[in-house]
Amino acid sequence: AVPVVAVIIDDIDFVRETTRVSVRYTVNDEV
């Protein structure tokens, strides 16, 4: 529920079938 600016894939584990990602998103001043 946030505006996503960019997503970077940090790590992919084909054995456990998981993906670690870094998500950059915008926030307003109040938050």
Full PDB file with SEQRES, HELIX, SHEET, SSBOND, CRYST1, ORIGX, SCALE, CONECT and MASTER records, all heavy atoms in Angstrom:
SEQRES   1 A   31  ALA VAL PRO VAL VAL ALA VAL ILE ILE ASP ASP ILE ASP          
SEQRES   2 A   31  PHE VAL ARG GLU THR THR ARG VAL SER VAL ARG TYR THR          
SEQRES   3 A   31  VAL ASN ASP GLU VAL                                          
SHEET    1 AA1 2 VAL A   4  ASP A  13  0                                        
SHEET    2 AA1 2 THR A  18  TYR A  25 -1                                        
CRYST1    1.000    1.000    1.000  90.00  90.00  90.00 P 1           1          
ORIGX1      1.000000  0.000000  0.000000        0.00000                         
ORIGX2      0.000000  1.000000  0.000000        0.00000                         
ORIGX3      0.000000  0.000000  1.000000        0.00000                         
SCALE1      1.000000  0.000000  0.000000        0.00000                         
SCALE2      0.000000  1.000000  0.000000        0.00000                         
SCALE3      0.000000  0.000000  1.000000        0.00000                         
ATOM      1  N   ALA A   1       0.834  -1.213   0.000  1.00  0.00           N  
ATOM      2  CA  ALA A   1       0.000   0.000   0.000  1.00  0.00           C  
ATOM      3  C   ALA A   1       0.860   1.251   0.000  1.00  0.00           C  
ATOM      4  O   ALA A   1       0.569   2.220   0.698  1.00  0.00           O  
ATOM      5  CB  ALA A   1      -0.927  -0.018   1.211  1.00  0.00           C  
ATOM      6  N   VAL A   2       1.946   1.231  -0.771  1.00  0.00           N  
ATOM      7  CA  VAL A   2       2.843   2.381  -0.866  1.00  0.00           C  
ATOM      8  C   VAL A   2       3.242   2.568  -2.322  1.00  0.00           C  
ATOM      9  O   VAL A   2       3.284   1.596  -3.099  1.00  0.00           O  
ATOM     10  CB  VAL A   2       4.109   2.194   0.008  1.00  0.00           C  
ATOM     11  CG1 VAL A   2       3.743   2.189   1.487  1.00  0.00           C  
ATOM     12  CG2 VAL A   2       4.842   0.910  -0.378  1.00  0.00           C  
ATOM     13  N   PRO A   3       3.550   3.802  -2.732  1.00  0.00           N  
ATOM     14  CA  PRO A   3       4.032   4.033  -4.106  1.00  0.00           C  
ATOM     15  C   PRO A   3       5.467   3.528  -4.261  1.00  0.00           C  
ATOM     16  O   PRO A   3       6.399   4.067  -3.662  1.00  0.00           O  
ATOM     17  CB  PRO A   3       3.953   5.558  -4.262  1.00  0.00           C  
ATOM     18  CG  PRO A   3       3.139   6.055  -3.103  1.00  0.00           C  
ATOM     19  CD  PRO A   3       3.339   5.077  -2.006  1.00  0.00           C  
ATOM     20  N   VAL A   4       5.664   2.499  -5.048  1.00  0.00           N  
ATOM     21  CA  VAL A   4       6.980   1.900  -5.242  1.00  0.00           C  
ATOM     22  C   VAL A   4       7.749   2.692  -6.296  1.00  0.00           C  
ATOM     23  O   VAL A   4       7.259   2.912  -7.411  1.00  0.00           O  
ATOM     24  CB  VAL A   4       6.851   0.424  -5.663  1.00  0.00           C  
ATOM     25  CG1 VAL A   4       8.228  -0.167  -5.941  1.00  0.00           C  
ATOM     26  CG2 VAL A   4       6.131  -0.369  -4.586  1.00  0.00           C  
ATOM     27  N   VAL A   5       8.953   3.119  -5.932  1.00  0.00           N  
ATOM     28  CA  VAL A   5       9.806   3.875  -6.847  1.00  0.00           C  
ATOM     29  C   VAL A   5      10.737   2.957  -7.618  1.00  0.00           C  
ATOM     30  O   VAL A   5      10.905   3.088  -8.825  1.00  0.00           O  
ATOM     31  CB  VAL A   5      10.623   4.933  -6.079  1.00  0.00           C  
ATOM     32  CG1 VAL A   5      11.570   5.672  -7.010  1.00  0.00           C  
ATOM     33  CG2 VAL A   5       9.692   5.907  -5.370  1.00  0.00           C  
ATOM     34  N   ALA A   6      11.359   2.018  -6.925  1.00  0.00           N  
ATOM     35  CA  ALA A   6      12.313   1.115  -7.568  1.00  0.00           C  
ATOM     36  C   ALA A   6      12.429  -0.165  -6.753  1.00  0.00           C  
ATOM     37  O   ALA A   6      12.192  -0.175  -5.536  1.00  0.00           O  
ATOM     38  CB  ALA A   6      13.690   1.774  -7.705  1.00  0.00           C  
ATOM     39  N   VAL A   7      12.778  -1.248  -7.432  1.00  0.00           N  
ATOM     40  CA  VAL A   7      12.976  -2.542  -6.792  1.00  0.00           C  
ATOM     41  C   VAL A   7      14.305  -3.111  -7.270  1.00  0.00           C  
ATOM     42  O   VAL A   7      14.580  -3.157  -8.470  1.00  0.00           O  
ATOM     43  CB  VAL A   7      11.838  -3.532  -7.131  1.00  0.00           C  
ATOM     44  CG1 VAL A   7      12.142  -4.913  -6.557  1.00  0.00           C  
ATOM     45  CG2 VAL A   7      10.511  -3.019  -6.600  1.00  0.00           C  
ATOM     46  N   ILE A   8      15.130  -3.522  -6.315  1.00  0.00           N  
ATOM     47  CA  ILE A   8      16.425  -4.130  -6.625  1.00  0.00           C  
ATOM     48  C   ILE A   8      16.422  -5.559  -6.088  1.00  0.00           C  
ATOM     49  O   ILE A   8      16.091  -5.781  -4.914  1.00  0.00           O  
ATOM     50  CB  ILE A   8      17.592  -3.343  -5.996  1.00  0.00           C  
ATOM     51  CG1 ILE A   8      17.633  -1.927  -6.565  1.00  0.00           C  
ATOM     52  CG2 ILE A   8      18.919  -4.050  -6.246  1.00  0.00           C  
ATOM     53  CD1 ILE A   8      18.717  -1.067  -5.957  1.00  0.00           C  
ATOM     54  N   ILE A   9      16.768  -6.511  -6.939  1.00  0.00           N  
ATOM     55  CA  ILE A   9      16.860  -7.913  -6.520  1.00  0.00           C  
ATOM     56  C   ILE A   9      18.237  -8.123  -5.896  1.00  0.00           C  
ATOM     57  O   ILE A   9      19.265  -8.050  -6.570  1.00  0.00           O  
ATOM     58  CB  ILE A   9      16.645  -8.856  -7.714  1.00  0.00           C  
ATOM     59  CG1 ILE A   9      15.237  -8.675  -8.281  1.00  0.00           C  
ATOM     60  CG2 ILE A   9      16.869 -10.303  -7.294  1.00  0.00           C  
ATOM     61  CD1 ILE A   9      14.940  -9.546  -9.484  1.00  0.00           C  
ATOM     62  N   ASP A  10      18.255  -8.377  -4.584  1.00  0.00           N  
ATOM     63  CA  ASP A  10      19.512  -8.536  -3.857  1.00  0.00           C  
ATOM     64  C   ASP A  10      20.062  -9.952  -3.918  1.00  0.00           C  
ATOM     65  O   ASP A  10      21.271 -10.153  -4.015  1.00  0.00           O  
ATOM     66  CB  ASP A  10      19.327  -8.128  -2.382  1.00  0.00           C  
ATOM     67  CG  ASP A  10      18.936  -6.672  -2.236  1.00  0.00           C  
ATOM     68  OD1 ASP A  10      19.427  -5.849  -3.025  1.00  0.00           O  
ATOM     69  OD2 ASP A  10      18.136  -6.356  -1.332  1.00  0.00           O  
ATOM     70  N   ASP A  11      19.168 -10.929  -3.846  1.00  0.00           N  
ATOM     71  CA  ASP A  11      19.644 -12.316  -3.783  1.00  0.00           C  
ATOM     72  C   ASP A  11      18.537 -13.251  -4.244  1.00  0.00           C  
ATOM     73  O   ASP A  11      17.354 -13.021  -3.953  1.00  0.00           O  
ATOM     74  CB  ASP A  11      20.073 -12.677  -2.350  1.00  0.00           C  
ATOM     75  CG  ASP A  11      20.574 -14.107  -2.247  1.00  0.00           C  
ATOM     76  OD1 ASP A  11      21.659 -14.399  -2.764  1.00  0.00           O  
ATOM     77  OD2 ASP A  11      19.857 -14.940  -1.659  1.00  0.00           O  
ATOM     78  N   ILE A  12      18.933 -14.295  -4.984  1.00  0.00           N  
ATOM     79  CA  ILE A  12      17.994 -15.322  -5.436  1.00  0.00           C  
ATOM     80  C   ILE A  12      18.500 -16.676  -4.948  1.00  0.00           C  
ATOM     81  O   ILE A  12      19.655 -17.044  -5.221  1.00  0.00           O  
ATOM     82  CB  ILE A  12      17.858 -15.334  -6.967  1.00  0.00           C  
ATOM     83  CG1 ILE A  12      17.302 -13.996  -7.473  1.00  0.00           C  
ATOM     84  CG2 ILE A  12      16.950 -16.484  -7.415  1.00  0.00           C  
ATOM     85  CD1 ILE A  12      17.196 -13.915  -8.983  1.00  0.00           C  
ATOM     86  N   ASP A  13      17.651 -17.388  -4.218  1.00  0.00           N  
ATOM     87  CA  ASP A  13      17.989 -18.720  -3.712  1.00  0.00           C  
ATOM     88  C   ASP A  13      17.124 -19.741  -4.448  1.00  0.00           C  
ATOM     89  O   ASP A  13      15.930 -19.884  -4.165  1.00  0.00           O  
ATOM     90  CB  ASP A  13      17.728 -18.788  -2.204  1.00  0.00           C  
ATOM     91  CG  ASP A  13      18.314 -20.056  -1.580  1.00  0.00           C  
ATOM     92  OD1 ASP A  13      18.435 -21.064  -2.295  1.00  0.00           O  
ATOM     93  OD2 ASP A  13      18.641 -20.017  -0.371  1.00  0.00           O  
ATOM     94  N   PHE A  14      17.739 -20.428  -5.415  1.00  0.00           N  
ATOM     95  CA  PHE A  14      16.988 -21.392  -6.209  1.00  0.00           C  
ATOM     96  C   PHE A  14      16.702 -22.663  -5.415  1.00  0.00           C  
ATOM     97  O   PHE A  14      15.797 -23.423  -5.774  1.00  0.00           O  
ATOM     98  CB  PHE A  14      17.757 -21.738  -7.482  1.00  0.00           C  
ATOM     99  CG  PHE A  14      17.762 -20.641  -8.501  1.00  0.00           C  
ATOM    100  CD1 PHE A  14      18.855 -19.794  -8.624  1.00  0.00           C  
ATOM    101  CD2 PHE A  14      16.668 -20.436  -9.334  1.00  0.00           C  
ATOM    102  CE1 PHE A  14      18.864 -18.765  -9.554  1.00  0.00           C  
ATOM    103  CE2 PHE A  14      16.671 -19.411 -10.268  1.00  0.00           C  
ATOM    104  CZ  PHE A  14      17.770 -18.573 -10.371  1.00  0.00           C  
ATOM    105  N   VAL A  15      17.469 -22.922  -4.362  1.00  0.00           N  
ATOM    106  CA  VAL A  15      17.243 -24.114  -3.555  1.00  0.00           C  
ATOM    107  C   VAL A  15      15.994 -23.932  -2.692  1.00  0.00           C  
ATOM    108  O   VAL A  15      15.101 -24.776  -2.666  1.00  0.00           O  
ATOM    109  CB  VAL A  15      18.472 -24.417  -2.678  1.00  0.00           C  
ATOM    110  CG1 VAL A  15      18.193 -25.624  -1.765  1.00  0.00           C  
ATOM    111  CG2 VAL A  15      19.692 -24.691  -3.548  1.00  0.00           C  
ATOM    112  N   ARG A  16      15.940 -22.813  -1.977  1.00  0.00           N  
ATOM    113  CA  ARG A  16      14.781 -22.528  -1.121  1.00  0.00           C  
ATOM    114  C   ARG A  16      13.652 -21.834  -1.892  1.00  0.00           C  
ATOM    115  O   ARG A  16      12.572 -21.635  -1.350  1.00  0.00           O  
ATOM    116  CB  ARG A  16      15.200 -21.644   0.051  1.00  0.00           C  
ATOM    117  CG  ARG A  16      16.201 -22.298   0.987  1.00  0.00           C  
ATOM    118  CD  ARG A  16      16.531 -21.371   2.146  1.00  0.00           C  
ATOM    119  NE  ARG A  16      17.429 -21.974   3.100  1.00  0.00           N  
ATOM    120  CZ  ARG A  16      18.748 -21.941   3.008  1.00  0.00           C  
ATOM    121  NH1 ARG A  16      19.308 -21.327   1.970  1.00  0.00           N  
ATOM    122  NH2 ARG A  16      19.512 -22.517   3.914  1.00  0.00           N  
ATOM    123  N   GLU A  17      13.931 -21.468  -3.135  1.00  0.00           N  
ATOM    124  CA  GLU A  17      12.964 -20.772  -3.987  1.00  0.00           C  
ATOM    125  C   GLU A  17      12.473 -19.489  -3.316  1.00  0.00           C  
ATOM    126  O   GLU A  17      11.268 -19.258  -3.139  1.00  0.00           O  
ATOM    127  CB  GLU A  17      11.781 -21.691  -4.330  1.00  0.00           C  
ATOM    128  CG  GLU A  17      12.172 -22.884  -5.187  1.00  0.00           C  
ATOM    129  CD  GLU A  17      10.955 -23.670  -5.651  1.00  0.00           C  
ATOM    130  OE1 GLU A  17       9.858 -23.398  -5.130  1.00  0.00           O  
ATOM    131  OE2 GLU A  17      11.103 -24.535  -6.527  1.00  0.00           O  
ATOM    132  N   THR A  18      13.429 -18.652  -2.953  1.00  0.00           N  
ATOM    133  CA  THR A  18      13.116 -17.354  -2.352  1.00  0.00           C  
ATOM    134  C   THR A  18      13.909 -16.265  -3.078  1.00  0.00           C  
ATOM    135  O   THR A  18      14.943 -16.537  -3.705  1.00  0.00           O  
ATOM    136  CB  THR A  18      13.471 -17.324  -0.855  1.00  0.00           C  
ATOM    137  OG1 THR A  18      14.869 -17.602  -0.686  1.00  0.00           O  
ATOM    138  CG2 THR A  18      12.643 -18.333  -0.080  1.00  0.00           C  
ATOM    139  N   THR A  19      13.416 -15.054  -2.955  1.00  0.00           N  
ATOM    140  CA  THR A  19      14.067 -13.891  -3.570  1.00  0.00           C  
ATOM    141  C   THR A  19      14.085 -12.745  -2.559  1.00  0.00           C  
ATOM    142  O   THR A  19      13.033 -12.372  -2.025  1.00  0.00           O  
ATOM    143  CB  THR A  19      13.314 -13.433  -4.838  1.00  0.00           C  
ATOM    144  OG1 THR A  19      13.171 -14.539  -5.730  1.00  0.00           O  
ATOM    145  CG2 THR A  19      14.077 -12.303  -5.528  1.00  0.00           C  
ATOM    146  N   ARG A  20      15.263 -12.209  -2.297  1.00  0.00           N  
ATOM    147  CA  ARG A  20      15.395 -11.064  -1.405  1.00  0.00           C  
ATOM    148  C   ARG A  20      15.467  -9.797  -2.251  1.00  0.00           C  
ATOM    149  O   ARG A  20      16.285  -9.695  -3.174  1.00  0.00           O  
ATOM    150  CB  ARG A  20      16.638 -11.178  -0.523  1.00  0.00           C  
ATOM    151  CG  ARG A  20      16.563 -12.327   0.471  1.00  0.00           C  
ATOM    152  CD  ARG A  20      17.845 -12.440   1.283  1.00  0.00           C  
ATOM    153  NE  ARG A  20      18.085 -11.220   2.035  1.00  0.00           N  
ATOM    154  CZ  ARG A  20      17.580 -10.988   3.248  1.00  0.00           C  
ATOM    155  NH1 ARG A  20      16.803 -11.891   3.837  1.00  0.00           N  
ATOM    156  NH2 ARG A  20      17.845  -9.869   3.876  1.00  0.00           N  
ATOM    157  N   VAL A  21      14.621  -8.824  -1.937  1.00  0.00           N  
ATOM    158  CA  VAL A  21      14.555  -7.597  -2.720  1.00  0.00           C  
ATOM    159  C   VAL A  21      14.604  -6.389  -1.793  1.00  0.00           C  
ATOM    160  O   VAL A  21      14.244  -6.465  -0.613  1.00  0.00           O  
ATOM    161  CB  VAL A  21      13.260  -7.536  -3.569  1.00  0.00           C  
ATOM    162  CG1 VAL A  21      13.230  -8.662  -4.577  1.00  0.00           C  
ATOM    163  CG2 VAL A  21      12.027  -7.575  -2.676  1.00  0.00           C  
ATOM    164  N   SER A  22      15.076  -5.278  -2.335  1.00  0.00           N  
ATOM    165  CA  SER A  22      15.053  -3.983  -1.656  1.00  0.00           C  
ATOM    166  C   SER A  22      14.081  -3.085  -2.408  1.00  0.00           C  
ATOM    167  O   SER A  22      14.251  -2.858  -3.610  1.00  0.00           O  
ATOM    168  CB  SER A  22      16.447  -3.353  -1.619  1.00  0.00           C  
ATOM    169  OG  SER A  22      17.337  -4.150  -0.854  1.00  0.00           O  
ATOM    170  N   VAL A  23      13.092  -2.580  -1.698  1.00  0.00           N  
ATOM    171  CA  VAL A  23      12.031  -1.783  -2.306  1.00  0.00           C  
ATOM    172  C   VAL A  23      12.168  -0.340  -1.831  1.00  0.00           C  
ATOM    173  O   VAL A  23      12.129  -0.072  -0.625  1.00  0.00           O  
ATOM    174  CB  VAL A  23      10.638  -2.326  -1.929  1.00  0.00           C  
ATOM    175  CG1 VAL A  23       9.548  -1.533  -2.640  1.00  0.00           C  
ATOM    176  CG2 VAL A  23      10.538  -3.808  -2.252  1.00  0.00           C  
ATOM    177  N   ARG A  24      12.335   0.572  -2.759  1.00  0.00           N  
ATOM    178  CA  ARG A  24      12.348   2.002  -2.420  1.00  0.00           C  
ATOM    179  C   ARG A  24      10.990   2.590  -2.750  1.00  0.00           C  
ATOM    180  O   ARG A  24      10.497   2.446  -3.863  1.00  0.00           O  
ATOM    181  CB  ARG A  24      13.447   2.735  -3.205  1.00  0.00           C  
ATOM    182  CG  ARG A  24      13.520   4.242  -2.883  1.00  0.00           C  
ATOM    183  CD  ARG A  24      14.740   4.875  -3.506  1.00  0.00           C  
ATOM    184  NE  ARG A  24      15.966   4.365  -2.937  1.00  0.00           N  
ATOM    185  CZ  ARG A  24      16.506   4.811  -1.796  1.00  0.00           C  
ATOM    186  NH1 ARG A  24      15.890   5.776  -1.107  1.00  0.00           N  
ATOM    187  NH2 ARG A  24      17.624   4.306  -1.346  1.00  0.00           N  
ATOM    188  N   TYR A  25      10.399   3.251  -1.747  1.00  0.00           N  
ATOM    189  CA  TYR A  25       9.061   3.808  -1.923  1.00  0.00           C  
ATOM    190  C   TYR A  25       8.991   5.194  -1.302  1.00  0.00           C  
ATOM    191  O   TYR A  25       9.826   5.565  -0.469  1.00  0.00           O  
ATOM    192  CB  TYR A  25       8.002   2.891  -1.296  1.00  0.00           C  
ATOM    193  CG  TYR A  25       8.167   2.675   0.187  1.00  0.00           C  
ATOM    194  CD1 TYR A  25       7.430   3.427   1.110  1.00  0.00           C  
ATOM    195  CD2 TYR A  25       9.059   1.728   0.678  1.00  0.00           C  
ATOM    196  CE1 TYR A  25       7.575   3.239   2.465  1.00  0.00           C  
ATOM    197  CE2 TYR A  25       9.216   1.540   2.038  1.00  0.00           C  
ATOM    198  CZ  TYR A  25       8.475   2.291   2.930  1.00  0.00           C  
ATOM    199  OH  TYR A  25       8.644   2.104   4.284  1.00  0.00           O  
ATOM    200  N   THR A  26       8.008   5.967  -1.704  1.00  0.00           N  
ATOM    201  CA  THR A  26       7.867   7.337  -1.231  1.00  0.00           C  
ATOM    202  C   THR A  26       6.947   7.376  -0.019  1.00  0.00           C  
ATOM    203  O   THR A  26       6.042   6.561   0.126  1.00  0.00           O  
ATOM    204  CB  THR A  26       7.292   8.243  -2.331  1.00  0.00           C  
ATOM    205  OG1 THR A  26       6.002   7.747  -2.719  1.00  0.00           O  
ATOM    206  CG2 THR A  26       8.225   8.260  -3.543  1.00  0.00           C  
ATOM    207  N   VAL A  27       7.209   8.359   0.853  1.00  0.00           N  
ATOM    208  CA  VAL A  27       6.374   8.590   2.023  1.00  0.00           C  
ATOM    209  C   VAL A  27       6.098  10.081   2.115  1.00  0.00           C  
ATOM    210  O   VAL A  27       6.904  10.911   1.668  1.00  0.00           O  
ATOM    211  CB  VAL A  27       7.050   8.099   3.316  1.00  0.00           C  
ATOM    212  CG1 VAL A  27       7.195   6.594   3.319  1.00  0.00           C  
ATOM    213  CG2 VAL A  27       8.420   8.746   3.500  1.00  0.00           C  
ATOM    214  N   ASN A  28       4.972  10.434   2.719  1.00  0.00           N  
ATOM    215  CA  ASN A  28       4.675  11.848   2.896  1.00  0.00           C  
ATOM    216  C   ASN A  28       5.316  12.350   4.183  1.00  0.00           C  
ATOM    217  O   ASN A  28       5.826  11.577   4.996  1.00  0.00           O  
ATOM    218  CB  ASN A  28       3.161  12.103   2.910  1.00  0.00           C  
ATOM    219  CG  ASN A  28       2.449  11.257   3.957  1.00  0.00           C  
ATOM    220  OD1 ASN A  28       2.928  11.068   5.065  1.00  0.00           O  
ATOM    221  ND2 ASN A  28       1.282  10.733   3.598  1.00  0.00           N  
ATOM    222  N   ASP A  29       5.300  13.660   4.392  1.00  0.00           N  
ATOM    223  CA  ASP A  29       5.966  14.259   5.531  1.00  0.00           C  
ATOM    224  C   ASP A  29       5.379  13.801   6.856  1.00  0.00           C  
ATOM    225  O   ASP A  29       6.088  13.611   7.836  1.00  0.00           O  
ATOM    226  CB  ASP A  29       5.879  15.789   5.449  1.00  0.00           C  
ATOM    227  CG  ASP A  29       6.674  16.334   4.268  1.00  0.00           C  
ATOM    228  OD1 ASP A  29       7.503  15.575   3.746  1.00  0.00           O  
ATOM    229  OD2 ASP A  29       6.449  17.494   3.880  1.00  0.00           O  
ATOM    230  N   GLU A  30       4.050  13.594   6.928  1.00  0.00           N  
ATOM    231  CA  GLU A  30       3.441  13.194   8.183  1.00  0.00           C  
ATOM    232  C   GLU A  30       3.917  11.809   8.603  1.00  0.00           C  
ATOM    233  O   GLU A  30       4.209  11.565   9.775  1.00  0.00           O  
ATOM    234  CB  GLU A  30       1.917  13.194   8.041  1.00  0.00           C  
ATOM    235  CG  GLU A  30       1.285  14.581   7.946  1.00  0.00           C  
ATOM    236  CD  GLU A  30       1.492  15.220   6.584  1.00  0.00           C  
ATOM    237  OE1 GLU A  30       1.896  14.489   5.646  1.00  0.00           O  
ATOM    238  OE2 GLU A  30       1.256  16.428   6.449  1.00  0.00           O  
ATOM    239  N   VAL A  31       4.008  10.890   7.636  1.00  0.00           N  
ATOM    240  CA  VAL A  31       4.487   9.548   7.954  1.00  0.00           C  
ATOM    241  C   VAL A  31       5.943   9.596   8.374  1.00  0.00           C  
ATOM    242  O   VAL A  31       6.377   8.906   9.296  1.00  0.00           O  
ATOM    243  CB  VAL A  31       4.305   8.608   6.743  1.00  0.00           C  
ATOM    244  CG1 VAL A  31       4.944   7.259   6.998  1.00  0.00           C  
ATOM    245  CG2 VAL A  31       2.825   8.450   6.444  1.00  0.00           C  
TER     246      VAL A  31                                                      
MASTER        0    0    0    0    2    0    0    6  245    1    0    3          
END                                                                             
